[in-house]
Amino acid sequence: MKAARIVKVVLLIAGIAALLSFFVLRLWNWLMPEIFGLHAITFAQAFGLLLLSKILFGGFRGLRPGFGRRGWQRRMMERWDSMTPEEREKFRQGLRSRCAPLGSPAPEAKS
């Protein structure tokens, strides 16, 4: 039962990757040669380009638990809950001194 589910997930991921690679291939070969004079690419190159862009711009947030957006929020809430009221106020003051709201004057530098 579990093995069948794993096979389905792997096939789904492979299918999505193939479909996205196909779209990258079609868009590249439609736009890039005419606009920039670049060569057309193959399906394997489109997949590599898709993978490279995922690594450079998207990361792999779902592969490591606790490292995505929710993991960051959870860790920050745990730190906040463990702070004393004095530490919280010091933290707030530090944020205010570094992160002024838009349109407000910049904080003065300490000498």
N, C-alpha and C. Protein backbone atom coordinates (compact mmCIF):
# COMPACT_ATOMS: atom_id res chain seq x y z
N MET A 1 0.82 -1.19 0.00
CA MET A 1 0.00 0.00 0.00
C MET A 1 0.87 1.26 0.00
N LYS A 2 1.87 1.27 0.91
CA LYS A 2 2.75 2.43 1.01
C LYS A 2 3.63 2.56 -0.23
N ALA A 3 4.11 1.44 -0.77
CA ALA A 3 4.96 1.47 -1.96
C ALA A 3 4.18 2.01 -3.16
N ALA A 4 2.93 1.65 -3.27
CA ALA A 4 2.11 2.15 -4.38
C ALA A 4 1.94 3.66 -4.29
N ARG A 5 1.78 4.16 -3.08
CA ARG A 5 1.64 5.60 -2.89
C ARG A 5 2.92 6.33 -3.25
N ILE A 6 4.05 5.76 -2.87
CA ILE A 6 5.34 6.36 -3.20
C ILE A 6 5.54 6.40 -4.71
N VAL A 7 5.18 5.31 -5.39
CA VAL A 7 5.29 5.27 -6.85
C VAL A 7 4.40 6.32 -7.48
N LYS A 8 3.19 6.51 -6.97
CA LYS A 8 2.28 7.53 -7.51
C LYS A 8 2.86 8.92 -7.33
N VAL A 9 3.43 9.20 -6.16
CA VAL A 9 4.02 10.52 -5.90
C VAL A 9 5.21 10.76 -6.83
N VAL A 10 6.06 9.76 -6.99
CA VAL A 10 7.23 9.89 -7.87
C VAL A 10 6.78 10.13 -9.31
N LEU A 11 5.77 9.41 -9.76
CA LEU A 11 5.25 9.59 -11.12
C LEU A 11 4.61 10.97 -11.28
N LEU A 12 3.91 11.43 -10.26
CA LEU A 12 3.30 12.76 -10.32
C LEU A 12 4.38 13.84 -10.42
N ILE A 13 5.41 13.73 -9.60
CA ILE A 13 6.51 14.71 -9.64
C ILE A 13 7.21 14.68 -10.99
N ALA A 14 7.46 13.47 -11.51
CA ALA A 14 8.10 13.34 -12.83
C ALA A 14 7.23 13.94 -13.92
N GLY A 15 5.93 13.72 -13.83
CA GLY A 15 5.01 14.27 -14.82
C GLY A 15 4.98 15.79 -14.78
N ILE A 16 4.95 16.35 -13.58
CA ILE A 16 4.95 17.81 -13.45
C ILE A 16 6.26 18.39 -13.96
N ALA A 17 7.37 17.74 -13.64
CA ALA A 17 8.68 18.21 -14.12
C ALA A 17 8.74 18.15 -15.64
N ALA A 18 8.21 17.07 -16.23
CA ALA A 18 8.21 16.94 -17.69
C ALA A 18 7.33 18.02 -18.33
N LEU A 19 6.17 18.27 -17.74
CA LEU A 19 5.27 19.29 -18.29
C LEU A 19 5.90 20.69 -18.20
N LEU A 20 6.49 21.00 -17.05
CA LEU A 20 7.15 22.30 -16.91
C LEU A 20 8.34 22.43 -17.86
N SER A 21 9.09 21.35 -18.03
CA SER A 21 10.22 21.37 -18.97
C SER A 21 9.73 21.60 -20.39
N PHE A 22 8.61 21.00 -20.73
CA PHE A 22 8.03 21.18 -22.07
C PHE A 22 7.68 22.66 -22.28
N PHE A 23 7.06 23.29 -21.26
CA PHE A 23 6.71 24.70 -21.39
C PHE A 23 7.95 25.59 -21.49
N VAL A 24 8.99 25.28 -20.71
CA VAL A 24 10.24 26.03 -20.81
C VAL A 24 10.83 25.88 -22.20
N LEU A 25 10.84 24.65 -22.71
CA LEU A 25 11.35 24.37 -24.06
C LEU A 25 10.61 25.18 -25.11
N ARG A 26 9.29 25.12 -25.05
CA ARG A 26 8.49 25.82 -26.07
C ARG A 26 8.67 27.34 -25.98
N LEU A 27 8.64 27.88 -24.77
CA LEU A 27 8.81 29.32 -24.61
C LEU A 27 10.20 29.79 -25.04
N TRP A 28 11.21 29.05 -24.64
CA TRP A 28 12.58 29.41 -25.02
C TRP A 28 12.73 29.40 -26.54
N ASN A 29 12.32 28.29 -27.16
CA ASN A 29 12.50 28.16 -28.60
C ASN A 29 11.61 29.12 -29.39
N TRP A 30 10.55 29.60 -28.78
CA TRP A 30 9.68 30.57 -29.44
C TRP A 30 10.22 31.98 -29.32
N LEU A 31 10.75 32.33 -28.13
CA LEU A 31 11.14 33.72 -27.87
C LEU A 31 12.62 34.01 -28.05
N MET A 32 13.47 33.22 -27.45
CA MET A 32 14.88 33.58 -27.36
C MET A 32 15.62 33.65 -28.69
N PRO A 33 15.41 32.72 -29.62
CA PRO A 33 16.13 32.85 -30.89
C PRO A 33 15.77 34.12 -31.65
N GLU A 34 14.49 34.49 -31.63
CA GLU A 34 14.09 35.68 -32.37
C GLU A 34 14.49 36.97 -31.67
N ILE A 35 14.32 37.02 -30.36
CA ILE A 35 14.60 38.26 -29.63
C ILE A 35 16.10 38.49 -29.46
N PHE A 36 16.83 37.45 -29.01
CA PHE A 36 18.23 37.62 -28.67
C PHE A 36 19.19 36.90 -29.59
N GLY A 37 18.68 36.18 -30.58
CA GLY A 37 19.54 35.46 -31.50
C GLY A 37 20.20 34.24 -30.89
N LEU A 38 19.61 33.68 -29.83
CA LEU A 38 20.18 32.50 -29.18
C LEU A 38 19.72 31.24 -29.90
N HIS A 39 20.41 30.13 -29.65
CA HIS A 39 20.07 28.86 -30.28
C HIS A 39 18.87 28.23 -29.59
N ALA A 40 18.17 27.38 -30.32
CA ALA A 40 17.09 26.59 -29.74
C ALA A 40 17.70 25.55 -28.80
N ILE A 41 16.92 25.11 -27.82
CA ILE A 41 17.41 24.14 -26.84
C ILE A 41 16.64 22.83 -26.95
N THR A 42 17.22 21.77 -26.38
CA THR A 42 16.57 20.46 -26.37
C THR A 42 15.74 20.31 -25.09
N PHE A 43 14.99 19.21 -25.03
CA PHE A 43 14.17 18.95 -23.85
C PHE A 43 15.04 18.79 -22.60
N ALA A 44 16.17 18.09 -22.73
CA ALA A 44 17.06 17.89 -21.59
C ALA A 44 17.65 19.23 -21.13
N GLN A 45 17.97 20.11 -22.06
CA GLN A 45 18.49 21.42 -21.69
C GLN A 45 17.41 22.26 -21.01
N ALA A 46 16.16 22.11 -21.47
CA ALA A 46 15.05 22.83 -20.84
C ALA A 46 14.87 22.35 -19.40
N PHE A 47 14.98 21.03 -19.18
CA PHE A 47 14.87 20.49 -17.83
C PHE A 47 16.02 21.01 -16.96
N GLY A 48 17.23 21.03 -17.50
CA GLY A 48 18.37 21.56 -16.76
C GLY A 48 18.21 23.03 -16.43
N LEU A 49 17.67 23.80 -17.36
CA LEU A 49 17.43 25.21 -17.13
C LEU A 49 16.38 25.41 -16.04
N LEU A 50 15.34 24.58 -16.07
CA LEU A 50 14.31 24.63 -15.04
C LEU A 50 14.90 24.29 -13.67
N LEU A 51 15.70 23.26 -13.60
CA LEU A 51 16.33 22.85 -12.34
C LEU A 51 17.30 23.92 -11.84
N LEU A 52 18.08 24.49 -12.73
CA LEU A 52 19.01 25.55 -12.35
C LEU A 52 18.27 26.77 -11.80
N SER A 53 17.19 27.16 -12.46
CA SER A 53 16.44 28.31 -11.98
C SER A 53 15.80 28.02 -10.63
N LYS A 54 15.36 26.78 -10.41
CA LYS A 54 14.80 26.41 -9.12
C LYS A 54 15.87 26.50 -8.02
N ILE A 55 17.06 26.04 -8.32
CA ILE A 55 18.15 26.10 -7.34
C ILE A 55 18.54 27.56 -7.05
N LEU A 56 18.68 28.36 -8.09
CA LEU A 56 19.15 29.73 -7.92
C LEU A 56 18.10 30.65 -7.32
N PHE A 57 16.85 30.50 -7.74
CA PHE A 57 15.83 31.47 -7.35
C PHE A 57 14.77 30.92 -6.42
N GLY A 58 14.53 29.62 -6.40
CA GLY A 58 13.44 29.10 -5.59
C GLY A 58 13.87 28.31 -4.40
N GLY A 59 15.03 27.71 -4.46
CA GLY A 59 15.47 26.87 -3.37
C GLY A 59 14.67 25.58 -3.29
N PHE A 60 14.91 24.82 -2.26
CA PHE A 60 14.19 23.57 -2.03
C PHE A 60 13.63 23.61 -0.63
N ARG A 61 12.69 24.50 -0.39
CA ARG A 61 12.15 24.71 0.94
C ARG A 61 11.43 23.50 1.49
N GLY A 62 10.79 22.72 0.65
CA GLY A 62 9.99 21.61 1.13
C GLY A 62 10.78 20.39 1.54
N LEU A 63 12.07 20.34 1.26
CA LEU A 63 12.84 19.15 1.52
C LEU A 63 13.39 19.06 2.93
N ARG A 64 13.57 20.17 3.61
CA ARG A 64 14.12 20.16 4.95
C ARG A 64 13.09 20.71 5.93
N PRO A 65 12.56 19.88 6.80
CA PRO A 65 11.56 20.38 7.74
C PRO A 65 12.14 21.44 8.67
N GLY A 66 11.35 22.46 8.92
CA GLY A 66 11.80 23.51 9.83
C GLY A 66 12.59 24.62 9.17
N PHE A 67 12.83 24.55 7.86
CA PHE A 67 13.63 25.58 7.20
C PHE A 67 12.82 26.44 6.26
N GLY A 68 11.56 26.15 6.11
CA GLY A 68 10.71 26.96 5.24
C GLY A 68 10.17 28.16 5.99
N ARG A 69 9.19 28.80 5.41
CA ARG A 69 8.59 29.98 6.01
C ARG A 69 7.96 29.64 7.36
N ARG A 70 7.21 28.57 7.42
CA ARG A 70 6.55 28.18 8.67
C ARG A 70 7.58 27.81 9.74
N GLY A 71 8.65 27.15 9.36
CA GLY A 71 9.69 26.79 10.32
C GLY A 71 10.34 28.02 10.93
N TRP A 72 10.58 29.04 10.12
CA TRP A 72 11.16 30.28 10.60
C TRP A 72 10.23 30.95 11.60
N GLN A 73 8.94 31.00 11.25
CA GLN A 73 7.97 31.62 12.14
C GLN A 73 7.88 30.86 13.47
N ARG A 74 7.89 29.54 13.40
CA ARG A 74 7.80 28.73 14.61
C ARG A 74 9.01 28.97 15.51
N ARG A 75 10.22 28.97 14.92
CA ARG A 75 11.43 29.20 15.71
C ARG A 75 11.43 30.60 16.32
N MET A 76 10.95 31.59 15.57
CA MET A 76 10.92 32.96 16.09
C MET A 76 9.93 33.08 17.23
N MET A 77 8.78 32.43 17.12
CA MET A 77 7.79 32.46 18.20
C MET A 77 8.33 31.77 19.46
N GLU A 78 9.08 30.68 19.28
CA GLU A 78 9.68 30.00 20.43
C GLU A 78 10.69 30.91 21.13
N ARG A 79 11.48 31.63 20.34
CA ARG A 79 12.44 32.56 20.93
C ARG A 79 11.72 33.69 21.66
N TRP A 80 10.66 34.22 21.04
CA TRP A 80 9.90 35.32 21.63
C TRP A 80 9.27 34.88 22.96
N ASP A 81 8.71 33.67 22.99
CA ASP A 81 8.07 33.17 24.20
C ASP A 81 9.07 32.97 25.34
N SER A 82 10.32 32.69 25.00
CA SER A 82 11.32 32.46 26.05
C SER A 82 11.96 33.75 26.55
N MET A 83 11.65 34.91 25.91
CA MET A 83 12.23 36.18 26.33
C MET A 83 11.49 36.76 27.54
N THR A 84 12.23 37.48 28.35
CA THR A 84 11.62 38.23 29.45
C THR A 84 11.03 39.52 28.88
N PRO A 85 10.13 40.19 29.61
CA PRO A 85 9.59 41.47 29.10
C PRO A 85 10.68 42.50 28.81
N GLU A 86 11.74 42.50 29.60
CA GLU A 86 12.84 43.45 29.36
C GLU A 86 13.57 43.12 28.05
N GLU A 87 13.79 41.82 27.80
CA GLU A 87 14.44 41.41 26.55
C GLU A 87 13.57 41.73 25.35
N ARG A 88 12.27 41.57 25.49
CA ARG A 88 11.35 41.90 24.39
C ARG A 88 11.40 43.39 24.06
N GLU A 89 11.40 44.22 25.09
CA GLU A 89 11.45 45.66 24.85
C GLU A 89 12.78 46.06 24.21
N LYS A 90 13.88 45.45 24.66
CA LYS A 90 15.18 45.74 24.05
C LYS A 90 15.18 45.31 22.58
N PHE A 91 14.56 44.18 22.28
CA PHE A 91 14.46 43.71 20.90
C PHE A 91 13.65 44.69 20.06
N ARG A 92 12.51 45.14 20.60
CA ARG A 92 11.66 46.12 19.88
C ARG A 92 12.44 47.41 19.60
N GLN A 93 13.17 47.89 20.60
CA GLN A 93 13.95 49.11 20.42
C GLN A 93 15.01 48.93 19.34
N GLY A 94 15.64 47.78 19.32
CA GLY A 94 16.64 47.51 18.28
C GLY A 94 16.02 47.52 16.89
N LEU A 95 14.82 46.93 16.77
CA LEU A 95 14.13 46.95 15.48
C LEU A 95 13.77 48.37 15.08
N ARG A 96 13.26 49.14 16.04
CA ARG A 96 12.87 50.52 15.73
C ARG A 96 14.07 51.35 15.27
N SER A 97 15.22 51.10 15.86
CA SER A 97 16.40 51.90 15.50
C SER A 97 16.94 51.52 14.12
N ARG A 98 16.68 50.28 13.68
CA ARG A 98 17.19 49.84 12.37
C ARG A 98 16.15 49.91 11.26
N CYS A 99 14.87 49.80 11.61
CA CYS A 99 13.82 49.67 10.61
C CYS A 99 12.77 50.74 10.81
N ALA A 100 13.04 51.93 10.31
CA ALA A 100 12.08 53.02 10.42
C ALA A 100 10.97 52.81 9.39
N PRO A 101 9.71 53.15 9.72
CA PRO A 101 8.62 53.03 8.75
C PRO A 101 8.87 53.93 7.54
N LEU A 102 8.27 53.58 6.41
CA LEU A 102 8.43 54.39 5.20
C LEU A 102 7.91 55.80 5.43
N GLY A 103 8.64 56.78 4.95
CA GLY A 103 8.22 58.17 5.05
C GLY A 103 8.68 58.84 6.32
N SER A 104 9.15 58.09 7.31
CA SER A 104 9.62 58.72 8.53
C SER A 104 11.11 59.03 8.39
N PRO A 105 11.59 60.00 9.13
CA PRO A 105 13.02 60.31 9.01
C PRO A 105 13.88 59.16 9.52
N ALA A 106 15.03 59.05 8.92
CA ALA A 106 15.97 57.97 9.31
C ALA A 106 16.49 58.24 10.70
N PRO A 107 16.70 57.18 11.49
CA PRO A 107 17.24 57.39 12.84
C PRO A 107 18.64 57.98 12.78
N GLU A 108 18.95 58.80 13.76
CA GLU A 108 20.25 59.44 13.78
C GLU A 108 21.31 58.43 14.20
N ALA A 109 22.49 58.56 13.60
CA ALA A 109 23.59 57.65 13.93
C ALA A 109 24.15 58.03 15.28
N LYS A 110 24.50 56.99 16.06
CA LYS A 110 25.11 57.23 17.37
C LYS A 110 26.59 57.53 17.17
N SER A 111 27.12 58.47 17.98
CA SER A 111 28.54 58.77 17.85
C SER A 111 29.33 58.33 19.03
